[in-house]
Protein backbone atom coordinates (compact mmCIF):
# COMPACT_ATOMS: atom_id res chain seq x y z
CA MET A 1 307.99 41.31 -17.77
CA SER A 2 307.45 40.87 -14.66
CA LEU A 3 306.95 44.66 -12.88
CA PRO A 4 308.22 45.46 -9.32
CA VAL A 5 305.94 45.28 -6.58
CA GLU A 6 305.54 49.38 -6.03
CA ILE A 7 305.32 49.93 -10.03
CA ILE A 8 302.60 47.66 -10.21
CA SER A 9 300.99 49.29 -6.73
CA LEU A 10 301.20 52.86 -8.20
CA ALA A 11 299.74 51.51 -11.58
CA ALA A 12 296.52 50.18 -9.75
CA GLN A 13 296.50 52.62 -7.76
CA VAL A 14 296.67 55.27 -10.72
CA VAL A 15 294.13 52.60 -12.45
CA GLU A 16 291.73 52.66 -10.32
CA ASP A 17 291.57 57.04 -9.59
CA LEU A 18 290.89 57.18 -12.79
CA ARG A 19 288.15 54.44 -12.95
CA ALA A 20 286.05 55.74 -10.15
CA ARG A 21 285.91 59.26 -11.60
CA GLY A 22 284.59 57.56 -15.25
CA GLU A 23 288.30 59.49 -16.30
CA THR A 24 290.72 58.41 -19.16
CA LEU A 25 294.18 58.66 -19.92
CA SER A 26 296.77 58.26 -22.37
CA THR A 27 300.60 59.45 -22.80
CA ALA A 28 303.21 60.07 -24.78
CA GLU A 29 306.38 58.86 -23.73
CA SER A 30 310.40 59.62 -25.63
CA LEU A 31 312.71 58.47 -22.92
CA THR A 32 310.18 56.10 -21.15
CA ALA A 33 310.06 54.73 -24.58
CA GLY A 34 306.36 52.97 -23.89
CA ALA A 35 307.03 51.93 -19.90
CA VAL A 36 304.73 53.83 -18.84
CA SER A 37 302.11 52.85 -20.64
CA SER A 38 303.65 49.34 -20.35
CA ALA A 39 302.65 49.37 -16.63
CA ILE A 40 299.37 50.64 -16.91
CA VAL A 41 298.18 48.02 -18.84
CA THR A 42 299.62 45.31 -17.02
CA ILE A 43 296.85 46.28 -14.40
CA ALA A 44 293.67 44.10 -14.78
CA GLY A 45 290.89 46.72 -15.71
CA ALA A 46 292.66 48.50 -17.91
CA SER A 47 291.37 49.08 -21.02
CA ASP A 48 288.61 50.54 -18.56
CA VAL A 49 290.70 53.94 -18.50
CA PHE A 50 293.74 53.68 -21.28
CA VAL A 51 292.94 55.01 -24.49
CA GLY A 52 296.36 54.97 -25.53
CA GLY A 53 299.31 56.13 -26.15
CA THR A 54 302.56 57.38 -28.65
CA THR A 55 306.37 56.34 -28.59
CA ALA A 56 308.20 59.85 -30.09
CA TYR A 57 311.50 58.82 -29.19
CA ARG A 58 312.92 60.80 -32.39
CA ASP A 59 311.90 64.79 -32.74
CA GLU A 60 310.54 64.45 -36.40
CA ILE A 61 307.61 62.38 -34.69
CA LYS A 62 306.99 64.48 -31.95
CA ILE A 63 306.27 67.15 -34.57
CA SER A 64 304.42 64.16 -37.12
CA HIS A 65 302.47 62.77 -34.18
CA LEU A 66 302.19 65.15 -31.65
CA GLY A 67 301.53 67.97 -33.78
CA ILE A 68 304.33 69.99 -31.77
CA ASP A 69 305.78 73.15 -33.12
CA PRO A 70 309.19 72.65 -34.90
CA ALA A 71 310.02 76.09 -33.62
CA LEU A 72 309.59 75.19 -30.02
CA ILE A 73 311.91 71.98 -29.97
CA ALA A 74 314.17 74.09 -31.64
CA LYS A 75 313.83 77.31 -29.10
CA HIS A 76 313.78 75.14 -25.63
CA SER A 77 315.77 71.59 -26.68
CA ALA A 78 313.08 67.96 -26.34
CA ILE A 79 314.34 67.74 -23.52
CA SER A 80 312.51 70.81 -21.34
CA GLU A 81 309.63 71.21 -19.62
CA GLU A 82 307.96 73.17 -23.01
CA VAL A 83 307.93 69.77 -24.90
CA ALA A 84 307.05 67.69 -21.93
CA VAL A 85 304.24 69.46 -22.25
CA ALA A 86 303.19 70.06 -25.69
CA MET A 87 303.23 66.39 -25.81
CA ALA A 88 300.81 65.56 -23.14
CA GLN A 89 298.77 67.78 -24.31
CA GLY A 90 299.67 66.45 -27.57
CA ALA A 91 298.39 63.23 -26.94
CA LEU A 92 295.69 64.18 -24.75
CA LYS A 93 294.12 65.82 -28.01
CA SER A 94 295.37 62.78 -30.19
CA PHE A 95 293.48 59.77 -28.41
CA GLY A 96 290.39 62.57 -26.33
CA THR A 97 291.54 61.72 -22.83
CA THR A 98 290.58 63.54 -19.99
CA TRP A 99 294.53 63.29 -18.30
CA ALA A 100 297.68 62.79 -19.97
CA ILE A 101 301.27 62.28 -19.98
CA GLY A 102 304.60 63.43 -21.28
CA THR A 103 307.50 62.39 -20.55
CA THR A 104 311.38 63.54 -22.47
CA GLY A 105 314.47 63.30 -20.94
CA VAL A 106 317.97 62.08 -22.03
CA ALA A 107 318.91 58.28 -21.55
CA GLY A 108 322.41 58.74 -22.50
CA PRO A 109 325.40 57.49 -22.72
CA ASN A 110 325.94 61.21 -23.72
CA PRO A 111 324.74 64.47 -22.47
CA ILE A 112 322.47 66.10 -24.94
CA ASP A 113 321.75 70.17 -25.35
CA GLY A 114 323.15 71.23 -22.38
CA HIS A 115 321.51 68.66 -20.81
CA PRO A 116 322.49 65.64 -18.38
CA VAL A 117 322.26 61.82 -18.43
CA GLY A 118 319.47 60.55 -16.88
CA ALA A 119 317.65 64.46 -16.24
CA VAL A 120 313.99 63.62 -16.73
CA TRP A 121 311.04 65.78 -17.29
CA VAL A 122 307.32 64.85 -16.68
CA ALA A 123 304.10 66.91 -17.43
CA ILE A 124 300.56 65.55 -16.41
CA VAL A 125 297.84 67.71 -18.27
CA GLY A 126 294.30 67.62 -17.72
CA VAL A 127 290.99 68.09 -16.53
CA ARG A 128 291.97 69.55 -13.81
CA ALA A 129 295.81 70.73 -13.94
CA SER A 130 296.69 73.19 -17.68
CA ASN A 131 299.91 71.49 -17.58
CA TYR A 132 301.92 70.03 -14.19
CA PRO A 133 305.80 69.58 -16.09
CA TYR A 134 308.59 69.28 -13.34
CA LEU A 135 312.12 67.72 -13.63
CA VAL A 136 312.12 64.64 -12.16
CA SER A 137 315.73 63.84 -10.58
CA GLU A 138 318.45 62.87 -12.43
CA ASN A 139 320.13 59.25 -12.68
CA LEU A 140 316.75 57.75 -12.27
CA CYS A 141 317.18 53.73 -12.56
CA GLU A 142 314.87 52.11 -14.87
CA THR A 143 312.26 51.23 -12.18
CA GLN A 144 312.25 54.97 -11.09
CA LEU A 145 311.28 56.15 -14.93
CA GLN A 146 308.53 53.63 -15.42
CA GLN A 147 307.01 54.91 -11.94
CA ALA A 148 307.85 58.41 -12.30
CA PRO A 149 304.76 60.02 -14.39
CA LEU A 150 302.59 58.07 -11.31
CA PRO A 151 302.97 59.92 -7.69
CA PRO A 152 302.36 63.25 -9.25
CA LEU A 153 299.43 62.18 -11.84
CA ARG A 154 297.67 61.02 -9.26
CA VAL A 155 298.32 64.64 -6.50
CA SER A 156 296.78 65.94 -9.84
CA LEU A 157 293.60 63.45 -9.44
CA GLY A 158 293.49 64.73 -5.95
CA THR A 159 294.40 61.16 -4.28
CA GLU A 160 298.33 61.89 -3.02
CA ARG A 161 298.95 64.62 -1.09
CA LYS A 162 302.79 66.71 -2.92
CA LYS A 163 305.27 66.10 -1.43
CA GLU A 164 306.14 69.68 0.04
CA VAL A 165 309.97 68.83 0.14
CA GLY A 166 312.97 67.39 -1.75
CA PRO A 167 312.44 64.79 -5.09
CA TRP A 168 310.01 62.49 -6.08
CA PHE A 169 312.25 59.64 -5.59
């Protein structure tokens, strides 16, 4: 698989940032279906920092594999800040990493639970951030979805400044 240069660059920066700190990363992906993990492992030496990931597309898998409380999904829906954070926390616990990314959203073709197609929630949890959830944007293309968690992870690592205004993309 050939990735756009911007994804390769961001993934390489994340791998180097984590390697420099002796820290590790795991993922829990729904909407992105493993694309974030895939981008990271294309980088030489990623095995030094990337431990593993879970693709939890269905709610039953979020519950059984990531330990998400069914009541949380019932209350907030699977496309929510709360579930993105719970997914990342589940990956952090399951894989024993220092950082984890959780992604959830609506791929389409129809809205789900009142959330429009393209709504994307990402959460970063780890040693310096108890939870860092945010609504990335709506109507992101596949390339943007794949790289969406990487800039805020670098912010959490302290290697990139958070944008003060506007969306990540």
